[in-house]
Amino acid sequence: MKPLLILTSLVLGGFLALWAVCALVMRVQGAL
């Protein structure tokens, strides 16, 4: 794999993980 492709996949993975955490936090705050 090309280094650029690995870097891109890591950035996208981190972005998705951050979005999932934010969505979970918003859901928890909405439930309280």
C-alpha atoms as a PDB file:
ATOM      1  CA  MET A   1       0.000   0.000   0.000  1.00  0.00           C
ATOM      2  CA  LYS A   2       1.084   3.535  -0.653  1.00  0.00           C
ATOM      3  CA  PRO A   3       1.888   5.687   2.409  1.00  0.00           C
ATOM      4  CA  LEU A   4      -0.620   8.302   1.198  1.00  0.00           C
ATOM      5  CA  LEU A   5      -3.380   5.694   1.036  1.00  0.00           C
ATOM      6  CA  ILE A   6      -2.563   4.520   4.577  1.00  0.00           C
ATOM      7  CA  LEU A   7      -2.552   8.108   5.855  1.00  0.00           C
ATOM      8  CA  THR A   8      -5.885   8.814   4.165  1.00  0.00           C
ATOM      9  CA  SER A   9      -7.465   5.698   5.665  1.00  0.00           C
ATOM     10  CA  LEU A  10      -6.203   6.663   9.134  1.00  0.00           C
ATOM     11  CA  VAL A  11      -7.622  10.188   8.806  1.00  0.00           C
ATOM     12  CA  LEU A  12     -11.000   8.878   7.618  1.00  0.00           C
ATOM     13  CA  GLY A  13     -11.053   6.271  10.385  1.00  0.00           C
ATOM     14  CA  GLY A  14     -10.276   8.888  13.018  1.00  0.00           C
ATOM     15  CA  PHE A  15     -12.960  11.204  11.641  1.00  0.00           C
ATOM     16  CA  LEU A  16     -15.569   8.434  11.740  1.00  0.00           C
ATOM     17  CA  ALA A  17     -14.553   7.504  15.283  1.00  0.00           C
ATOM     18  CA  LEU A  18     -14.807  11.149  16.399  1.00  0.00           C
ATOM     19  CA  TRP A  19     -18.234  11.469  14.754  1.00  0.00           C
ATOM     20  CA  ALA A  20     -19.419   8.295  16.515  1.00  0.00           C
ATOM     21  CA  VAL A  21     -18.233   9.609  19.918  1.00  0.00           C
ATOM     22  CA  CYS A  22     -19.930  12.979  19.349  1.00  0.00           C
ATOM     23  CA  ALA A  23     -23.165  11.249  18.309  1.00  0.00           C
ATOM     24  CA  LEU A  24     -23.034   9.052  21.414  1.00  0.00           C
ATOM     25  CA  VAL A  25     -22.427  12.054  23.701  1.00  0.00           C
ATOM     26  CA  MET A  26     -25.325  13.969  22.131  1.00  0.00           C
ATOM     27  CA  ARG A  27     -27.589  10.939  22.557  1.00  0.00           C
ATOM     28  CA  VAL A  28     -26.593  10.543  26.232  1.00  0.00           C
ATOM     29  CA  GLN A  29     -27.126  14.267  26.933  1.00  0.00           C
ATOM     30  CA  GLY A  30     -30.523  14.069  25.235  1.00  0.00           C
ATOM     31  CA  ALA A  31     -31.508  11.115  27.440  1.00  0.00           C
ATOM     32  CA  LEU A  32     -30.595  12.919  30.664  1.00  0.00           C
END
